[in-house]
Amino acid sequence: MAKDPLAEASFYFELNRLRVLEPEVSQKTLELREECKEFVDKNNHFLKIGGSIIKIMNDLAKAVETEKMKAITARNLLKLVMKQREATQQQLRALVAERRTQLERYRTESEALTKVESEQNKFIEQFIRASD
């Protein structure tokens, strides 16, 4: 095969095109261009997916924060209710103690009145006997 003088000068002729690169290098350049395009497309797709994940995570973080605030509010309300219940229990205990004291006073008074009644009934019986 005779050497092509254009090829020796790094000029290649291809279907009405004059090239400075060898056909193999030109083909590899085109393949690299396609691979780069695929890489860029995949990278863009990855960024889109990553953006979607970040948005989902941000939405989830907002939802978690909202639920956290609700839980804190519920916990504070529960503490308030517990304190109120404790205060009510203390008031009821004081009322029960007061009523027990009052009951004991009434018992003592009732016993004293029963004793007085008994003595008066005896006196009346003696008076009735004496007058007969």
N, C-alpha and C. Protein backbone atom coordinates (compact mmCIF):
# COMPACT_ATOMS: atom_id res chain seq x y z
N MET A 1 0.81 -1.16 0.00
CA MET A 1 0.00 0.00 0.00
C MET A 1 0.86 1.23 0.00
N ALA A 2 0.50 2.14 -0.84
CA ALA A 2 1.26 3.37 -0.95
C ALA A 2 0.79 4.32 0.11
N LYS A 3 1.74 5.05 0.61
CA LYS A 3 1.42 6.01 1.65
C LYS A 3 0.76 7.21 1.03
N ASP A 4 -0.26 7.64 1.71
CA ASP A 4 -1.02 8.81 1.25
C ASP A 4 -0.27 10.05 1.69
N PRO A 5 0.09 10.95 0.74
CA PRO A 5 0.83 12.15 1.14
C PRO A 5 0.03 13.06 2.05
N LEU A 6 -1.29 13.07 1.90
CA LEU A 6 -2.11 13.89 2.80
C LEU A 6 -2.07 13.34 4.22
N ALA A 7 -2.09 11.99 4.35
CA ALA A 7 -2.06 11.36 5.66
C ALA A 7 -0.73 11.64 6.33
N GLU A 8 0.34 11.66 5.54
CA GLU A 8 1.65 11.97 6.12
C GLU A 8 1.68 13.40 6.62
N ALA A 9 0.90 14.26 6.07
CA ALA A 9 0.86 15.66 6.49
C ALA A 9 -0.23 15.87 7.53
N SER A 10 -0.82 14.77 8.04
CA SER A 10 -1.90 14.78 9.04
C SER A 10 -3.17 15.41 8.50
N PHE A 11 -3.41 15.22 7.23
CA PHE A 11 -4.67 15.63 6.63
C PHE A 11 -5.35 14.37 6.12
N TYR A 12 -6.65 14.26 6.42
CA TYR A 12 -7.39 13.07 6.04
C TYR A 12 -8.63 13.50 5.28
N PHE A 13 -8.93 12.79 4.24
CA PHE A 13 -10.07 13.11 3.41
C PHE A 13 -11.14 12.05 3.63
N GLU A 14 -12.38 12.53 3.97
CA GLU A 14 -13.47 11.62 4.31
C GLU A 14 -14.76 12.16 3.75
N LEU A 15 -15.36 11.52 2.79
CA LEU A 15 -16.64 11.89 2.22
C LEU A 15 -16.81 13.39 2.10
N ASN A 16 -16.08 13.98 1.30
CA ASN A 16 -16.12 15.42 1.04
C ASN A 16 -15.76 16.27 2.26
N ARG A 17 -15.01 15.69 3.17
CA ARG A 17 -14.57 16.45 4.34
C ARG A 17 -13.06 16.33 4.45
N LEU A 18 -12.48 17.40 4.80
CA LEU A 18 -11.04 17.40 5.03
C LEU A 18 -10.84 17.50 6.54
N ARG A 19 -10.13 16.53 7.11
CA ARG A 19 -9.93 16.51 8.56
C ARG A 19 -8.46 16.61 8.87
N VAL A 20 -8.21 17.16 10.10
CA VAL A 20 -6.84 17.25 10.57
C VAL A 20 -6.55 16.05 11.45
N LEU A 21 -7.56 15.46 12.06
CA LEU A 21 -7.38 14.30 12.95
C LEU A 21 -7.47 13.00 12.17
N GLU A 22 -6.85 12.02 12.77
CA GLU A 22 -6.96 10.68 12.20
C GLU A 22 -8.39 10.20 12.39
N PRO A 23 -8.89 9.36 11.51
CA PRO A 23 -10.27 8.87 11.63
C PRO A 23 -10.52 8.16 12.96
N GLU A 24 -9.55 7.39 13.46
CA GLU A 24 -9.72 6.68 14.73
C GLU A 24 -9.85 7.68 15.89
N VAL A 25 -9.01 8.72 15.87
CA VAL A 25 -9.06 9.74 16.92
C VAL A 25 -10.38 10.50 16.82
N SER A 26 -10.80 10.78 15.61
CA SER A 26 -12.07 11.46 15.41
C SER A 26 -13.22 10.61 15.94
N GLN A 27 -13.18 9.31 15.66
CA GLN A 27 -14.23 8.40 16.14
C GLN A 27 -14.22 8.33 17.66
N LYS A 28 -13.04 8.24 18.26
CA LYS A 28 -12.94 8.19 19.72
C LYS A 28 -13.40 9.51 20.34
N THR A 29 -13.15 10.61 19.64
CA THR A 29 -13.61 11.92 20.12
C THR A 29 -15.13 11.96 20.12
N LEU A 30 -15.74 11.46 19.07
CA LEU A 30 -17.20 11.41 19.01
C LEU A 30 -17.77 10.50 20.11
N GLU A 31 -17.13 9.35 20.34
CA GLU A 31 -17.57 8.44 21.40
C GLU A 31 -17.45 9.10 22.77
N LEU A 32 -16.31 9.81 22.96
CA LEU A 32 -16.12 10.53 24.22
C LEU A 32 -17.18 11.61 24.40
N ARG A 33 -17.52 12.30 23.29
CA ARG A 33 -18.56 13.33 23.36
C ARG A 33 -19.89 12.71 23.79
N GLU A 34 -20.23 11.54 23.21
CA GLU A 34 -21.47 10.86 23.58
C GLU A 34 -21.43 10.41 25.04
N GLU A 35 -20.31 9.86 25.47
CA GLU A 35 -20.18 9.44 26.87
C GLU A 35 -20.30 10.64 27.81
N CYS A 36 -19.71 11.76 27.43
CA CYS A 36 -19.80 12.97 28.25
C CYS A 36 -21.25 13.45 28.32
N LYS A 37 -21.93 13.39 27.17
CA LYS A 37 -23.33 13.79 27.15
C LYS A 37 -24.15 12.89 28.06
N GLU A 38 -23.92 11.57 27.99
CA GLU A 38 -24.62 10.63 28.87
C GLU A 38 -24.30 10.92 30.34
N PHE A 39 -23.00 11.20 30.60
CA PHE A 39 -22.60 11.52 31.97
C PHE A 39 -23.30 12.77 32.48
N VAL A 40 -23.35 13.79 31.65
CA VAL A 40 -24.02 15.05 32.04
C VAL A 40 -25.51 14.80 32.25
N ASP A 41 -26.12 14.01 31.37
CA ASP A 41 -27.54 13.69 31.53
C ASP A 41 -27.78 12.93 32.83
N LYS A 42 -26.94 11.94 33.10
CA LYS A 42 -27.07 11.18 34.35
C LYS A 42 -26.83 12.06 35.57
N ASN A 43 -25.84 12.94 35.45
CA ASN A 43 -25.54 13.86 36.56
C ASN A 43 -26.73 14.80 36.82
N ASN A 44 -27.32 15.32 35.73
CA ASN A 44 -28.51 16.17 35.88
C ASN A 44 -29.66 15.40 36.51
N HIS A 45 -29.85 14.15 36.08
CA HIS A 45 -30.89 13.31 36.66
C HIS A 45 -30.61 13.08 38.15
N PHE A 46 -29.36 12.81 38.47
CA PHE A 46 -28.96 12.62 39.88
C PHE A 46 -29.24 13.88 40.68
N LEU A 47 -28.90 15.04 40.15
CA LEU A 47 -29.16 16.30 40.84
C LEU A 47 -30.65 16.52 41.04
N LYS A 48 -31.44 16.14 40.04
CA LYS A 48 -32.89 16.28 40.16
C LYS A 48 -33.41 15.37 41.27
N ILE A 49 -32.95 14.14 41.29
CA ILE A 49 -33.35 13.20 42.34
C ILE A 49 -32.88 13.71 43.70
N GLY A 50 -31.63 14.18 43.75
CA GLY A 50 -31.10 14.73 45.01
C GLY A 50 -31.92 15.91 45.49
N GLY A 51 -32.31 16.79 44.56
CA GLY A 51 -33.16 17.93 44.92
C GLY A 51 -34.50 17.47 45.46
N SER A 52 -35.07 16.43 44.83
CA SER A 52 -36.35 15.89 45.31
C SER A 52 -36.20 15.32 46.72
N ILE A 53 -35.12 14.60 46.94
CA ILE A 53 -34.87 14.02 48.28
C ILE A 53 -34.70 15.12 49.30
N ILE A 54 -33.97 16.16 48.95
CA ILE A 54 -33.77 17.28 49.88
C ILE A 54 -35.11 17.95 50.20
N LYS A 55 -35.95 18.12 49.18
CA LYS A 55 -37.27 18.73 49.41
C LYS A 55 -38.10 17.84 50.32
N ILE A 56 -38.09 16.54 50.07
CA ILE A 56 -38.84 15.60 50.91
C ILE A 56 -38.33 15.66 52.34
N MET A 57 -37.00 15.67 52.50
CA MET A 57 -36.42 15.73 53.85
C MET A 57 -36.77 17.03 54.55
N ASN A 58 -36.77 18.14 53.82
CA ASN A 58 -37.16 19.42 54.42
C ASN A 58 -38.62 19.39 54.86
N ASP A 59 -39.49 18.84 53.99
CA ASP A 59 -40.90 18.71 54.35
C ASP A 59 -41.07 17.82 55.57
N LEU A 60 -40.32 16.72 55.59
CA LEU A 60 -40.37 15.81 56.73
C LEU A 60 -39.86 16.49 58.00
N ALA A 61 -38.80 17.28 57.87
CA ALA A 61 -38.27 18.01 59.03
C ALA A 61 -39.30 18.99 59.57
N LYS A 62 -40.02 19.66 58.66
CA LYS A 62 -41.07 20.58 59.10
C LYS A 62 -42.17 19.83 59.83
N ALA A 63 -42.56 18.68 59.29
CA ALA A 63 -43.61 17.88 59.92
C ALA A 63 -43.16 17.38 61.30
N VAL A 64 -41.90 16.95 61.38
CA VAL A 64 -41.36 16.50 62.66
C VAL A 64 -41.34 17.64 63.66
N GLU A 65 -40.93 18.81 63.21
CA GLU A 65 -40.88 19.99 64.10
C GLU A 65 -42.29 20.34 64.58
N THR A 66 -43.27 20.26 63.70
CA THR A 66 -44.65 20.53 64.09
C THR A 66 -45.12 19.53 65.14
N GLU A 67 -44.85 18.26 64.90
CA GLU A 67 -45.25 17.22 65.86
C GLU A 67 -44.50 17.39 67.18
N LYS A 68 -43.26 17.81 67.09
CA LYS A 68 -42.46 18.05 68.30
C LYS A 68 -43.10 19.16 69.13
N MET A 69 -43.51 20.23 68.46
CA MET A 69 -44.17 21.34 69.17
C MET A 69 -45.49 20.88 69.79
N LYS A 70 -46.24 20.05 69.05
CA LYS A 70 -47.48 19.52 69.60
C LYS A 70 -47.21 18.67 70.84
N ALA A 71 -46.16 17.86 70.78
CA ALA A 71 -45.81 17.00 71.91
C ALA A 71 -45.39 17.84 73.12
N ILE A 72 -44.61 18.88 72.87
CA ILE A 72 -44.18 19.76 73.97
C ILE A 72 -45.39 20.45 74.59
N THR A 73 -46.30 20.92 73.74
CA THR A 73 -47.52 21.56 74.23
C THR A 73 -48.35 20.58 75.06
N ALA A 74 -48.50 19.36 74.55
CA ALA A 74 -49.27 18.35 75.28
C ALA A 74 -48.60 18.02 76.62
N ARG A 75 -47.28 17.91 76.62
CA ARG A 75 -46.56 17.62 77.86
C ARG A 75 -46.75 18.75 78.87
N ASN A 76 -46.65 20.00 78.42
CA ASN A 76 -46.84 21.13 79.32
C ASN A 76 -48.27 21.17 79.85
N LEU A 77 -49.24 20.87 78.99
CA LEU A 77 -50.63 20.83 79.41
C LEU A 77 -50.84 19.73 80.44
N LEU A 78 -50.22 18.59 80.21
CA LEU A 78 -50.32 17.47 81.15
C LEU A 78 -49.73 17.85 82.51
N LYS A 79 -48.58 18.53 82.49
CA LYS A 79 -47.98 18.97 83.75
C LYS A 79 -48.92 19.92 84.48
N LEU A 80 -49.55 20.84 83.74
CA LEU A 80 -50.48 21.79 84.33
C LEU A 80 -51.66 21.06 84.95
N VAL A 81 -52.21 20.09 84.22
CA VAL A 81 -53.35 19.32 84.72
C VAL A 81 -52.94 18.56 85.98
N MET A 82 -51.75 17.98 85.99
CA MET A 82 -51.28 17.24 87.15
C MET A 82 -51.14 18.17 88.37
N LYS A 83 -50.61 19.37 88.15
CA LYS A 83 -50.48 20.33 89.25
C LYS A 83 -51.85 20.74 89.76
N GLN A 84 -52.78 20.97 88.83
CA GLN A 84 -54.14 21.33 89.24
C GLN A 84 -54.79 20.20 90.02
N ARG A 85 -54.60 18.97 89.59
CA ARG A 85 -55.17 17.82 90.28
C ARG A 85 -54.57 17.71 91.67
N GLU A 86 -53.27 17.91 91.78
CA GLU A 86 -52.61 17.84 93.07
C GLU A 86 -53.16 18.93 94.01
N ALA A 87 -53.34 20.14 93.47
CA ALA A 87 -53.89 21.22 94.29
C ALA A 87 -55.32 20.89 94.72
N THR A 88 -56.11 20.33 93.81
CA THR A 88 -57.48 19.93 94.15
C THR A 88 -57.48 18.84 95.21
N GLN A 89 -56.57 17.88 95.09
CA GLN A 89 -56.48 16.81 96.08
C GLN A 89 -56.12 17.38 97.46
N GLN A 90 -55.20 18.33 97.48
CA GLN A 90 -54.84 18.95 98.75
C GLN A 90 -56.04 19.68 99.35
N GLN A 91 -56.79 20.39 98.51
CA GLN A 91 -57.99 21.09 99.00
C GLN A 91 -59.00 20.09 99.54
N LEU A 92 -59.19 18.98 98.82
CA LEU A 92 -60.15 17.97 99.27
C LEU A 92 -59.69 17.31 100.58
N ARG A 93 -58.40 17.07 100.70
CA ARG A 93 -57.88 16.50 101.95
C ARG A 93 -58.12 17.45 103.12
N ALA A 94 -57.88 18.74 102.87
CA ALA A 94 -58.11 19.73 103.91
C ALA A 94 -59.60 19.76 104.27
N LEU A 95 -60.47 19.69 103.27
CA LEU A 95 -61.91 19.69 103.51
C LEU A 95 -62.34 18.45 104.29
N VAL A 96 -61.77 17.29 103.94
CA VAL A 96 -62.09 16.04 104.64
C VAL A 96 -61.64 16.16 106.10
N ALA A 97 -60.43 16.68 106.32
CA ALA A 97 -59.94 16.84 107.70
C ALA A 97 -60.86 17.79 108.48
N GLU A 98 -61.27 18.87 107.82
CA GLU A 98 -62.19 19.83 108.48
C GLU A 98 -63.52 19.17 108.81
N ARG A 99 -64.05 18.38 107.88
CA ARG A 99 -65.34 17.71 108.11
C ARG A 99 -65.21 16.64 109.19
N ARG A 100 -64.08 15.96 109.26
CA ARG A 100 -63.87 14.97 110.32
C ARG A 100 -63.85 15.64 111.68
N THR A 101 -63.18 16.78 111.73
CA THR A 101 -63.15 17.54 112.98
C THR A 101 -64.56 17.97 113.36
N GLN A 102 -65.30 18.45 112.37
CA GLN A 102 -66.68 18.89 112.61
C GLN A 102 -67.54 17.70 113.05
N LEU A 103 -67.34 16.52 112.41
CA LEU A 103 -68.08 15.32 112.77
C LEU A 103 -67.77 14.91 114.21
N GLU A 104 -66.51 14.98 114.57
CA GLU A 104 -66.13 14.62 115.95
C GLU A 104 -66.77 15.59 116.94
N ARG A 105 -66.80 16.86 116.59
CA ARG A 105 -67.43 17.86 117.45
C ARG A 105 -68.92 17.57 117.57
N TYR A 106 -69.57 17.21 116.45
CA TYR A 106 -70.99 16.88 116.49
C TYR A 106 -71.25 15.63 117.32
N ARG A 107 -70.38 14.62 117.22
CA ARG A 107 -70.53 13.41 118.03
C ARG A 107 -70.46 13.74 119.52
N THR A 108 -69.42 14.55 119.83
CA THR A 108 -69.26 14.93 121.23
C THR A 108 -70.49 15.69 121.71
N GLU A 109 -70.97 16.61 120.89
CA GLU A 109 -72.16 17.40 121.24
C GLU A 109 -73.38 16.49 121.36
N SER A 110 -73.49 15.51 120.42
CA SER A 110 -74.61 14.58 120.46
C SER A 110 -74.57 13.74 121.73
N GLU A 111 -73.38 13.27 122.08
CA GLU A 111 -73.25 12.49 123.31
C GLU A 111 -73.63 13.32 124.53
N ALA A 112 -73.19 14.57 124.53
CA ALA A 112 -73.52 15.45 125.65
C ALA A 112 -75.03 15.70 125.71
N LEU A 113 -75.66 15.93 124.57
CA LEU A 113 -77.10 16.17 124.54
C LEU A 113 -77.87 14.91 124.92
N THR A 114 -77.37 13.76 124.47
CA THR A 114 -78.02 12.50 124.85
C THR A 114 -77.94 12.31 126.36
N LYS A 115 -76.82 12.65 126.93
CA LYS A 115 -76.64 12.54 128.38
C LYS A 115 -77.60 13.50 129.10
N VAL A 116 -77.70 14.75 128.59
CA VAL A 116 -78.61 15.73 129.19
C VAL A 116 -80.05 15.24 129.06
N GLU A 117 -80.40 14.68 127.85
CA GLU A 117 -81.76 14.17 127.64
C GLU A 117 -82.07 13.05 128.63
N SER A 118 -81.10 12.17 128.78
CA SER A 118 -81.27 11.05 129.70
C SER A 118 -81.49 11.57 131.12
N GLU A 119 -80.71 12.54 131.51
CA GLU A 119 -80.85 13.11 132.86
C GLU A 119 -82.20 13.81 133.00
N GLN A 120 -82.64 14.51 131.96
CA GLN A 120 -83.93 15.19 132.03
C GLN A 120 -85.08 14.19 132.08
N ASN A 121 -84.94 13.09 131.30
CA ASN A 121 -85.98 12.05 131.33
C ASN A 121 -86.06 11.44 132.73
N LYS A 122 -84.91 11.22 133.37
CA LYS A 122 -84.90 10.70 134.73
C LYS A 122 -85.57 11.70 135.68
N PHE A 123 -85.26 12.97 135.49
CA PHE A 123 -85.83 14.01 136.35
C PHE A 123 -87.35 14.06 136.18
N ILE A 124 -87.80 13.95 134.89
CA ILE A 124 -89.24 13.99 134.62
C ILE A 124 -89.92 12.80 135.26
N GLU A 125 -89.31 11.63 135.15
CA GLU A 125 -89.88 10.42 135.74
C GLU A 125 -89.96 10.58 137.27
N GLN A 126 -88.90 11.12 137.86
CA GLN A 126 -88.92 11.33 139.32
C GLN A 126 -89.98 12.36 139.69
N PHE A 127 -90.15 13.39 138.88
CA PHE A 127 -91.13 14.43 139.17
C PHE A 127 -92.54 13.87 139.07
N ILE A 128 -92.76 13.00 138.04
CA ILE A 128 -94.08 12.41 137.84
C ILE A 128 -94.38 11.47 139.00
N ARG A 129 -93.43 10.73 139.49
CA ARG A 129 -93.63 9.79 140.58
C ARG A 129 -93.92 10.57 141.87
N ALA A 130 -93.18 11.66 141.99
CA ALA A 130 -93.36 12.45 143.22
C ALA A 130 -94.71 13.14 143.23
N SER A 131 -95.22 13.51 142.11
CA SER A 131 -96.49 14.18 142.09
C SER A 131 -97.66 13.21 142.17
N ASP A 132 -97.48 12.02 141.95
CA ASP A 132 -98.59 11.05 142.03
C ASP A 132 -98.81 10.69 143.42
